[in-house]
Every structure is written in structure tokens, then in C-alpha cells.
Amino acid sequence: MCKYIRKSKTGPKQDFYIHPSAIVDEDVKIGNNTKIWHFSHVFKQHQLGANCSLGQNVNIGNNVLIGNNVKFKITYLYMKV
């Protein structure tokens, strides 16, 4: 299991899990105790709250905000501009 701890210069450290096959783009904010599972993709400028779970094959598009305690299974979310 790969567990990441992201240290911030301006705030507290964040503790979350990203599966090795998942893709998380730059400029993504991930809340504490959040898990991103197999083959999922989180695109740039995304914010994911604490205690969330992105199941296998979940894709979250650009500029999406997800609150705390949310669970997704095989989902594609995109914001229309």
C-alpha cells in the first residue's frame, strides 16, 4: 500500500492514499484520509475533501470541487464550461 504524506508550508500535513496505477495531475488538493484507487484519474485544479474514496476507474474532470465524506464508484465527472 502506498501512503502519501504531503507537507504544506502554510498548513498542516495531509495524509492520504493514492494507488500506484492512479493518475493525479498537478495542482490537486487532497483532503486527509482520502483514498484514490486503481486506474482512477484526477485532473488538474481539483479539490477533494477529507475522508473520501474514489473507487476503481473513477475520472474527475478539471475544476471540480468535492466535499468531505464522499464515495464514488466507476464515475466520470466533468464540469461544463
PDB file of N, CA and C in Angstrom:
ATOM      1  N   MET A   1       0.851  -1.181   0.000  1.00  0.00           N
ATOM      2  CA  MET A   1       0.000   0.000   0.000  1.00  0.00           C
ATOM      3  C   MET A   1       0.889   1.235   0.000  1.00  0.00           C
ATOM      4  N   CYS A   2       0.641   2.137  -0.914  1.00  0.00           N
ATOM      5  CA  CYS A   2       1.394   3.389  -0.994  1.00  0.00           C
ATOM      6  C   CYS A   2       0.616   4.466  -0.251  1.00  0.00           C
ATOM      7  N   LYS A   3       1.195   4.999   0.766  1.00  0.00           N
ATOM      8  CA  LYS A   3       0.531   6.058   1.512  1.00  0.00           C
ATOM      9  C   LYS A   3       1.391   7.305   1.401  1.00  0.00           C
ATOM     10  N   TYR A   4       0.767   8.414   1.129  1.00  0.00           N
ATOM     11  CA  TYR A   4       1.488   9.660   0.924  1.00  0.00           C
ATOM     12  C   TYR A   4       1.183  10.629   2.048  1.00  0.00           C
ATOM     13  N   ILE A   5       2.181  11.369   2.422  1.00  0.00           N
ATOM     14  CA  ILE A   5       2.001  12.472   3.356  1.00  0.00           C
ATOM     15  C   ILE A   5       2.536  13.711   2.665  1.00  0.00           C
ATOM     16  N   ARG A   6       1.674  14.662   2.419  1.00  0.00           N
ATOM     17  CA  ARG A   6       2.051  15.903   1.744  1.00  0.00           C
ATOM     18  C   ARG A   6       2.202  16.973   2.815  1.00  0.00           C
ATOM     19  N   LYS A   7       3.379  17.546   2.897  1.00  0.00           N
ATOM     20  CA  LYS A   7       3.627  18.600   3.869  1.00  0.00           C
ATOM     21  C   LYS A   7       3.441  19.951   3.201  1.00  0.00           C
ATOM     22  N   SER A   8       2.728  20.807   3.872  1.00  0.00           N
ATOM     23  CA  SER A   8       2.460  22.142   3.349  1.00  0.00           C
ATOM     24  C   SER A   8       3.229  23.171   4.164  1.00  0.00           C
ATOM     25  N   LYS A   9       3.750  24.182   3.496  1.00  0.00           N
ATOM     26  CA  LYS A   9       4.462  25.238   4.201  1.00  0.00           C
ATOM     27  C   LYS A   9       3.501  26.133   4.981  1.00  0.00           C
ATOM     28  N   THR A  10       2.259  26.232   4.533  1.00  0.00           N
ATOM     29  CA  THR A  10       1.318  27.159   5.146  1.00  0.00           C
ATOM     30  C   THR A  10       0.259  26.478   6.015  1.00  0.00           C
ATOM     31  N   GLY A  11       0.145  25.161   5.960  1.00  0.00           N
ATOM     32  CA  GLY A  11      -0.895  24.481   6.723  1.00  0.00           C
ATOM     33  C   GLY A  11      -0.403  23.153   7.276  1.00  0.00           C
ATOM     34  N   PRO A  12      -1.314  22.389   7.883  1.00  0.00           N
ATOM     35  CA  PRO A  12      -0.928  21.106   8.462  1.00  0.00           C
ATOM     36  C   PRO A  12      -0.632  20.074   7.376  1.00  0.00           C
ATOM     37  N   LYS A  13       0.086  19.013   7.753  1.00  0.00           N
ATOM     38  CA  LYS A  13       0.377  17.956   6.783  1.00  0.00           C
ATOM     39  C   LYS A  13      -0.912  17.232   6.416  1.00  0.00           C
ATOM     40  N   GLN A  14      -0.947  16.648   5.220  1.00  0.00           N
ATOM     41  CA  GLN A  14      -2.106  15.904   4.751  1.00  0.00           C
ATOM     42  C   GLN A  14      -1.711  14.448   4.592  1.00  0.00           C
ATOM     43  N   ASP A  15      -2.587  13.554   5.001  1.00  0.00           N
ATOM     44  CA  ASP A  15      -2.342  12.127   4.965  1.00  0.00           C
ATOM     45  C   ASP A  15      -3.403  11.493   4.074  1.00  0.00           C
ATOM     46  N   PHE A  16      -2.989  10.877   2.954  1.00  0.00           N
ATOM     47  CA  PHE A  16      -3.937  10.285   2.013  1.00  0.00           C
ATOM     48  C   PHE A  16      -3.267   9.140   1.271  1.00  0.00           C
ATOM     49  N   TYR A  17      -4.054   8.363   0.520  1.00  0.00           N
ATOM     50  CA  TYR A  17      -3.537   7.204  -0.219  1.00  0.00           C
ATOM     51  C   TYR A  17      -3.841   7.353  -1.704  1.00  0.00           C
ATOM     52  N   ILE A  18      -2.842   7.091  -2.551  1.00  0.00           N
ATOM     53  CA  ILE A  18      -3.024   7.069  -3.998  1.00  0.00           C
ATOM     54  C   ILE A  18      -2.455   5.745  -4.503  1.00  0.00           C
ATOM     55  N   HIS A  19      -3.291   4.935  -5.143  1.00  0.00           N
ATOM     56  CA  HIS A  19      -2.832   3.664  -5.685  1.00  0.00           C
ATOM     57  C   HIS A  19      -1.798   3.937  -6.777  1.00  0.00           C
ATOM     58  N   PRO A  20      -0.771   3.076  -6.912  1.00  0.00           N
ATOM     59  CA  PRO A  20       0.277   3.303  -7.922  1.00  0.00           C
ATOM     60  C   PRO A  20      -0.237   3.412  -9.362  1.00  0.00           C
ATOM     61  N   SER A  21      -1.374   2.803  -9.688  1.00  0.00           N
ATOM     62  CA  SER A  21      -1.901   2.886 -11.060  1.00  0.00           C
ATOM     63  C   SER A  21      -2.778   4.120 -11.283  1.00  0.00           C
ATOM     64  N   ALA A  22      -3.080   4.861 -10.238  1.00  0.00           N
ATOM     65  CA  ALA A  22      -3.911   6.071 -10.367  1.00  0.00           C
ATOM     66  C   ALA A  22      -3.059   7.235 -10.874  1.00  0.00           C
ATOM     67  N   ILE A  23      -3.720   8.171 -11.551  1.00  0.00           N
ATOM     68  CA  ILE A  23      -3.051   9.371 -12.057  1.00  0.00           C
ATOM     69  C   ILE A  23      -3.676  10.577 -11.374  1.00  0.00           C
ATOM     70  N   VAL A  24      -2.836  11.381 -10.741  1.00  0.00           N
ATOM     71  CA  VAL A  24      -3.290  12.619 -10.106  1.00  0.00           C
ATOM     72  C   VAL A  24      -2.461  13.747 -10.697  1.00  0.00           C
ATOM     73  N   ASP A  25      -3.128  14.639 -11.434  1.00  0.00           N
ATOM     74  CA  ASP A  25      -2.428  15.754 -12.075  1.00  0.00           C
ATOM     75  C   ASP A  25      -1.937  16.760 -11.036  1.00  0.00           C
ATOM     76  N   GLU A  26      -1.137  17.713 -11.513  1.00  0.00           N
ATOM     77  CA  GLU A  26      -0.638  18.776 -10.640  1.00  0.00           C
ATOM     78  C   GLU A  26      -1.776  19.709 -10.236  1.00  0.00           C
ATOM     79  N   ASP A  27      -1.536  20.466  -9.193  1.00  0.00           N
ATOM     80  CA  ASP A  27      -2.488  21.456  -8.696  1.00  0.00           C
ATOM     81  C   ASP A  27      -3.792  20.804  -8.233  1.00  0.00           C
ATOM     82  N   VAL A  28      -3.680  19.662  -7.560  1.00  0.00           N
ATOM     83  CA  VAL A  28      -4.836  18.958  -6.994  1.00  0.00           C
ATOM     84  C   VAL A  28      -4.697  18.993  -5.484  1.00  0.00           C
ATOM     85  N   LYS A  29      -5.765  19.363  -4.797  1.00  0.00           N
ATOM     86  CA  LYS A  29      -5.776  19.386  -3.336  1.00  0.00           C
ATOM     87  C   LYS A  29      -6.537  18.159  -2.849  1.00  0.00           C
ATOM     88  N   ILE A  30      -5.904  17.371  -1.983  1.00  0.00           N
ATOM     89  CA  ILE A  30      -6.488  16.134  -1.489  1.00  0.00           C
ATOM     90  C   ILE A  30      -6.592  16.214   0.027  1.00  0.00           C
ATOM     91  N   GLY A  31      -7.795  15.940   0.555  1.00  0.00           N
ATOM     92  CA  GLY A  31      -8.029  16.003   1.994  1.00  0.00           C
ATOM     93  C   GLY A  31      -7.473  14.797   2.739  1.00  0.00           C
ATOM     94  N   ASN A  32      -7.390  14.920   4.049  1.00  0.00           N
ATOM     95  CA  ASN A  32      -6.886  13.854   4.900  1.00  0.00           C
ATOM     96  C   ASN A  32      -7.753  12.603   4.812  1.00  0.00           C
ATOM     97  N   ASN A  33      -7.102  11.463   4.912  1.00  0.00           N
ATOM     98  CA  ASN A  33      -7.757  10.156   4.942  1.00  0.00           C
ATOM     99  C   ASN A  33      -8.559   9.857   3.677  1.00  0.00           C
ATOM    100  N   THR A  34      -8.189  10.471   2.567  1.00  0.00           N
ATOM    101  CA  THR A  34      -8.850  10.220   1.288  1.00  0.00           C
ATOM    102  C   THR A  34      -8.074   9.156   0.533  1.00  0.00           C
ATOM    103  N   LYS A  35      -8.792   8.296  -0.186  1.00  0.00           N
ATOM    104  CA  LYS A  35      -8.173   7.202  -0.924  1.00  0.00           C
ATOM    105  C   LYS A  35      -8.553   7.285  -2.404  1.00  0.00           C
ATOM    106  N   ILE A  36      -7.556   7.159  -3.267  1.00  0.00           N
ATOM    107  CA  ILE A  36      -7.761   7.165  -4.716  1.00  0.00           C
ATOM    108  C   ILE A  36      -7.269   5.815  -5.224  1.00  0.00           C
ATOM    109  N   TRP A  37      -8.192   5.003  -5.769  1.00  0.00           N
ATOM    110  CA  TRP A  37      -7.904   3.613  -6.085  1.00  0.00           C
ATOM    111  C   TRP A  37      -7.517   3.376  -7.542  1.00  0.00           C
ATOM    112  N   HIS A  38      -7.410   2.105  -7.926  1.00  0.00           N
ATOM    113  CA  HIS A  38      -6.888   1.600  -9.198  1.00  0.00           C
ATOM    114  C   HIS A  38      -7.402   2.364 -10.430  1.00  0.00           C
ATOM    115  N   PHE A  39      -6.491   2.750 -11.287  1.00  0.00           N
ATOM    116  CA  PHE A  39      -6.780   3.303 -12.615  1.00  0.00           C
ATOM    117  C   PHE A  39      -7.673   4.539 -12.602  1.00  0.00           C
ATOM    118  N   SER A  40      -7.743   5.229 -11.489  1.00  0.00           N
ATOM    119  CA  SER A  40      -8.523   6.470 -11.416  1.00  0.00           C
ATOM    120  C   SER A  40      -7.663   7.629 -11.922  1.00  0.00           C
ATOM    121  N   HIS A  41      -8.325   8.694 -12.370  1.00  0.00           N
ATOM    122  CA  HIS A  41      -7.615   9.868 -12.874  1.00  0.00           C
ATOM    123  C   HIS A  41      -8.280  11.110 -12.313  1.00  0.00           C
ATOM    124  N   VAL A  42      -7.493  11.919 -11.611  1.00  0.00           N
ATOM    125  CA  VAL A  42      -7.969  13.198 -11.088  1.00  0.00           C
ATOM    126  C   VAL A  42      -7.237  14.275 -11.871  1.00  0.00           C
ATOM    127  N   PHE A  43      -7.994  15.057 -12.650  1.00  0.00           N
ATOM    128  CA  PHE A  43      -7.407  16.086 -13.495  1.00  0.00           C
ATOM    129  C   PHE A  43      -7.025  17.324 -12.681  1.00  0.00           C
ATOM    130  N   LYS A  44      -6.335  18.256 -13.332  1.00  0.00           N
ATOM    131  CA  LYS A  44      -5.800  19.442 -12.647  1.00  0.00           C
ATOM    132  C   LYS A  44      -6.885  20.336 -12.059  1.00  0.00           C
ATOM    133  N   GLN A  45      -6.454  21.179 -11.131  1.00  0.00           N
ATOM    134  CA  GLN A  45      -7.300  22.186 -10.477  1.00  0.00           C
ATOM    135  C   GLN A  45      -8.543  21.559  -9.849  1.00  0.00           C
ATOM    136  N   HIS A  46      -8.313  20.503  -9.114  1.00  0.00           N
ATOM    137  CA  HIS A  46      -9.394  19.762  -8.483  1.00  0.00           C
ATOM    138  C   HIS A  46      -9.202  19.820  -6.973  1.00  0.00           C
ATOM    139  N   GLN A  47     -10.303  19.834  -6.228  1.00  0.00           N
ATOM    140  CA  GLN A  47     -10.215  19.798  -4.774  1.00  0.00           C
ATOM    141  C   GLN A  47     -11.098  18.679  -4.265  1.00  0.00           C
ATOM    142  N   LEU A  48     -10.501  17.772  -3.523  1.00  0.00           N
ATOM    143  CA  LEU A  48     -11.182  16.606  -2.980  1.00  0.00           C
ATOM    144  C   LEU A  48     -11.101  16.689  -1.468  1.00  0.00           C
ATOM    145  N   GLY A  49     -12.249  16.621  -0.796  1.00  0.00           N
ATOM    146  CA  GLY A  49     -12.311  16.778   0.654  1.00  0.00           C
ATOM    147  C   GLY A  49     -11.716  15.617   1.430  1.00  0.00           C
ATOM    148  N   ALA A  50     -11.901  15.663   2.736  1.00  0.00           N
ATOM    149  CA  ALA A  50     -11.380  14.632   3.636  1.00  0.00           C
ATOM    150  C   ALA A  50     -12.301  13.418   3.675  1.00  0.00           C
ATOM    151  N   ASN A  51     -11.713  12.272   3.985  1.00  0.00           N
ATOM    152  CA  ASN A  51     -12.444  11.010   4.173  1.00  0.00           C
ATOM    153  C   ASN A  51     -13.233  10.601   2.930  1.00  0.00           C
ATOM    154  N   CYS A  52     -12.687  10.841   1.748  1.00  0.00           N
ATOM    155  CA  CYS A  52     -13.347  10.460   0.501  1.00  0.00           C
ATOM    156  C   CYS A  52     -12.711   9.192  -0.061  1.00  0.00           C
ATOM    157  N   SER A  53     -13.443   8.545  -0.954  1.00  0.00           N
ATOM    158  CA  SER A  53     -12.927   7.361  -1.630  1.00  0.00           C
ATOM    159  C   SER A  53     -13.314   7.431  -3.097  1.00  0.00           C
ATOM    160  N   LEU A  54     -12.297   7.404  -3.962  1.00  0.00           N
ATOM    161  CA  LEU A  54     -12.529   7.334  -5.404  1.00  0.00           C
ATOM    162  C   LEU A  54     -12.222   5.909  -5.811  1.00  0.00           C
ATOM    163  N   GLY A  55     -13.255   5.144  -6.143  1.00  0.00           N
ATOM    164  CA  GLY A  55     -13.092   3.733  -6.481  1.00  0.00           C
ATOM    165  C   GLY A  55     -12.382   3.534  -7.803  1.00  0.00           C
ATOM    166  N   GLN A  56     -12.280   2.286  -8.195  1.00  0.00           N
ATOM    167  CA  GLN A  56     -11.585   1.917  -9.427  1.00  0.00           C
ATOM    168  C   GLN A  56     -12.213   2.589 -10.647  1.00  0.00           C
ATOM    169  N   ASN A  57     -11.366   3.107 -11.540  1.00  0.00           N
ATOM    170  CA  ASN A  57     -11.760   3.716 -12.819  1.00  0.00           C
ATOM    171  C   ASN A  57     -12.572   5.003 -12.691  1.00  0.00           C
ATOM    172  N   VAL A  58     -12.448   5.710 -11.601  1.00  0.00           N
ATOM    173  CA  VAL A  58     -13.148   6.988 -11.440  1.00  0.00           C
ATOM    174  C   VAL A  58     -12.320   8.083 -12.108  1.00  0.00           C
ATOM    175  N   ASN A  59     -12.972   8.942 -12.884  1.00  0.00           N
ATOM    176  CA  ASN A  59     -12.324  10.083 -13.533  1.00  0.00           C
ATOM    177  C   ASN A  59     -13.014  11.359 -13.092  1.00  0.00           C
ATOM    178  N   ILE A  60     -12.231  12.286 -12.567  1.00  0.00           N
ATOM    179  CA  ILE A  60     -12.755  13.565 -12.107  1.00  0.00           C
ATOM    180  C   ILE A  60     -12.137  14.653 -12.977  1.00  0.00           C
ATOM    181  N   GLY A  61     -12.981  15.419 -13.672  1.00  0.00           N
ATOM    182  CA  GLY A  61     -12.513  16.434 -14.607  1.00  0.00           C
ATOM    183  C   GLY A  61     -11.935  17.671 -13.949  1.00  0.00           C
ATOM    184  N   ASN A  62     -11.526  18.632 -14.780  1.00  0.00           N
ATOM    185  CA  ASN A  62     -10.926  19.883 -14.317  1.00  0.00           C
ATOM    186  C   ASN A  62     -11.907  20.720 -13.510  1.00  0.00           C
ATOM    187  N   ASN A  63     -11.360  21.448 -12.538  1.00  0.00           N
ATOM    188  CA  ASN A  63     -12.118  22.440 -11.760  1.00  0.00           C
ATOM    189  C   ASN A  63     -13.344  21.865 -11.063  1.00  0.00           C
ATOM    190  N   VAL A  64     -13.229  20.686 -10.489  1.00  0.00           N
ATOM    191  CA  VAL A  64     -14.338  20.073  -9.764  1.00  0.00           C
ATOM    192  C   VAL A  64     -14.040  20.153  -8.274  1.00  0.00           C
ATOM    193  N   LEU A  65     -15.030  20.508  -7.488  1.00  0.00           N
ATOM    194  CA  LEU A  65     -14.904  20.590  -6.034  1.00  0.00           C
ATOM    195  C   LEU A  65     -15.786  19.505  -5.421  1.00  0.00           C
ATOM    196  N   ILE A  66     -15.195  18.638  -4.619  1.00  0.00           N
ATOM    197  CA  ILE A  66     -15.934  17.575  -3.936  1.00  0.00           C
ATOM    198  C   ILE A  66     -15.720  17.758  -2.448  1.00  0.00           C
ATOM    199  N   GLY A  67     -16.799  17.726  -1.682  1.00  0.00           N
ATOM    200  CA  GLY A  67     -16.740  17.928  -0.236  1.00  0.00           C
ATOM    201  C   GLY A  67     -16.206  16.727   0.517  1.00  0.00           C
ATOM    202  N   ASN A  68     -16.436  16.710   1.817  1.00  0.00           N
ATOM    203  CA  ASN A  68     -15.956  15.649   2.691  1.00  0.00           C
ATOM    204  C   ASN A  68     -16.893  14.441   2.682  1.00  0.00           C
ATOM    205  N   ASN A  69     -16.334  13.269   3.007  1.00  0.00           N
ATOM    206  CA  ASN A  69     -17.094  12.029   3.207  1.00  0.00           C
ATOM    207  C   ASN A  69     -17.881  11.593   1.983  1.00  0.00           C
ATOM    208  N   VAL A  70     -17.280  11.695   0.791  1.00  0.00           N
ATOM    209  CA  VAL A  70     -17.944  11.323  -0.455  1.00  0.00           C
ATOM    210  C   VAL A  70     -17.279  10.065  -1.008  1.00  0.00           C
ATOM    211  N   LYS A  71     -18.095   9.143  -1.554  1.00  0.00           N
ATOM    212  CA  LYS A  71     -17.582   7.906  -2.134  1.00  0.00           C
ATOM    213  C   LYS A  71     -18.082   7.770  -3.562  1.00  0.00           C
ATOM    214  N   PHE A  72     -17.154   7.512  -4.506  1.00  0.00           N
ATOM    215  CA  PHE A  72     -17.505   7.333  -5.910  1.00  0.00           C
ATOM    216  C   PHE A  72     -17.077   5.949  -6.370  1.00  0.00           C
ATOM    217  N   LYS A  73     -17.899   5.340  -7.213  1.00  0.00           N
ATOM    218  CA  LYS A  73     -17.561   4.061  -7.835  1.00  0.00           C
ATOM    219  C   LYS A  73     -17.783   4.180  -9.338  1.00  0.00           C
ATOM    220  N   ILE A  74     -16.773   3.885 -10.123  1.00  0.00           N
ATOM    221  CA  ILE A  74     -16.826   3.932 -11.597  1.00  0.00           C
ATOM    222  C   ILE A  74     -17.646   5.123 -12.083  1.00  0.00           C
ATOM    223  N   THR A  75     -17.081   6.302 -11.942  1.00  0.00           N
ATOM    224  CA  THR A  75     -17.790   7.551 -12.218  1.00  0.00           C
ATOM    225  C   THR A  75     -16.932   8.467 -13.086  1.00  0.00           C
ATOM    226  N   TYR A  76     -17.604   9.246 -13.934  1.00  0.00           N
ATOM    227  CA  TYR A  76     -16.945  10.267 -14.734  1.00  0.00           C
ATOM    228  C   TYR A  76     -17.628  11.596 -14.445  1.00  0.00           C
ATOM    229  N   LEU A  77     -16.915  12.526 -13.862  1.00  0.00           N
ATOM    230  CA  LEU A  77     -17.472  13.839 -13.523  1.00  0.00           C
ATOM    231  C   LEU A  77     -16.713  14.909 -14.291  1.00  0.00           C
ATOM    232  N   TYR A  78     -17.450  15.728 -14.989  1.00  0.00           N
ATOM    233  CA  TYR A  78     -16.838  16.831 -15.723  1.00  0.00           C
ATOM    234  C   TYR A  78     -17.712  18.059 -15.571  1.00  0.00           C
ATOM    235  N   MET A  79     -17.071  19.189 -15.469  1.00  0.00           N
ATOM    236  CA  MET A  79     -17.777  20.459 -15.342  1.00  0.00           C
ATOM    237  C   MET A  79     -17.930  21.058 -16.726  1.00  0.00           C
ATOM    238  N   LYS A  80     -19.146  21.457 -17.089  1.00  0.00           N
ATOM    239  CA  LYS A  80     -19.345  22.123 -18.374  1.00  0.00           C
ATOM    240  C   LYS A  80     -18.989  23.580 -18.239  1.00  0.00           C
ATOM    241  N   VAL A  81     -18.262  24.101 -19.194  1.00  0.00           N
ATOM    242  CA  VAL A  81     -17.834  25.500 -19.152  1.00  0.00           C
ATOM    243  C   VAL A  81     -18.692  26.307 -20.111  1.00  0.00           C
TER     244      VAL A  81
END
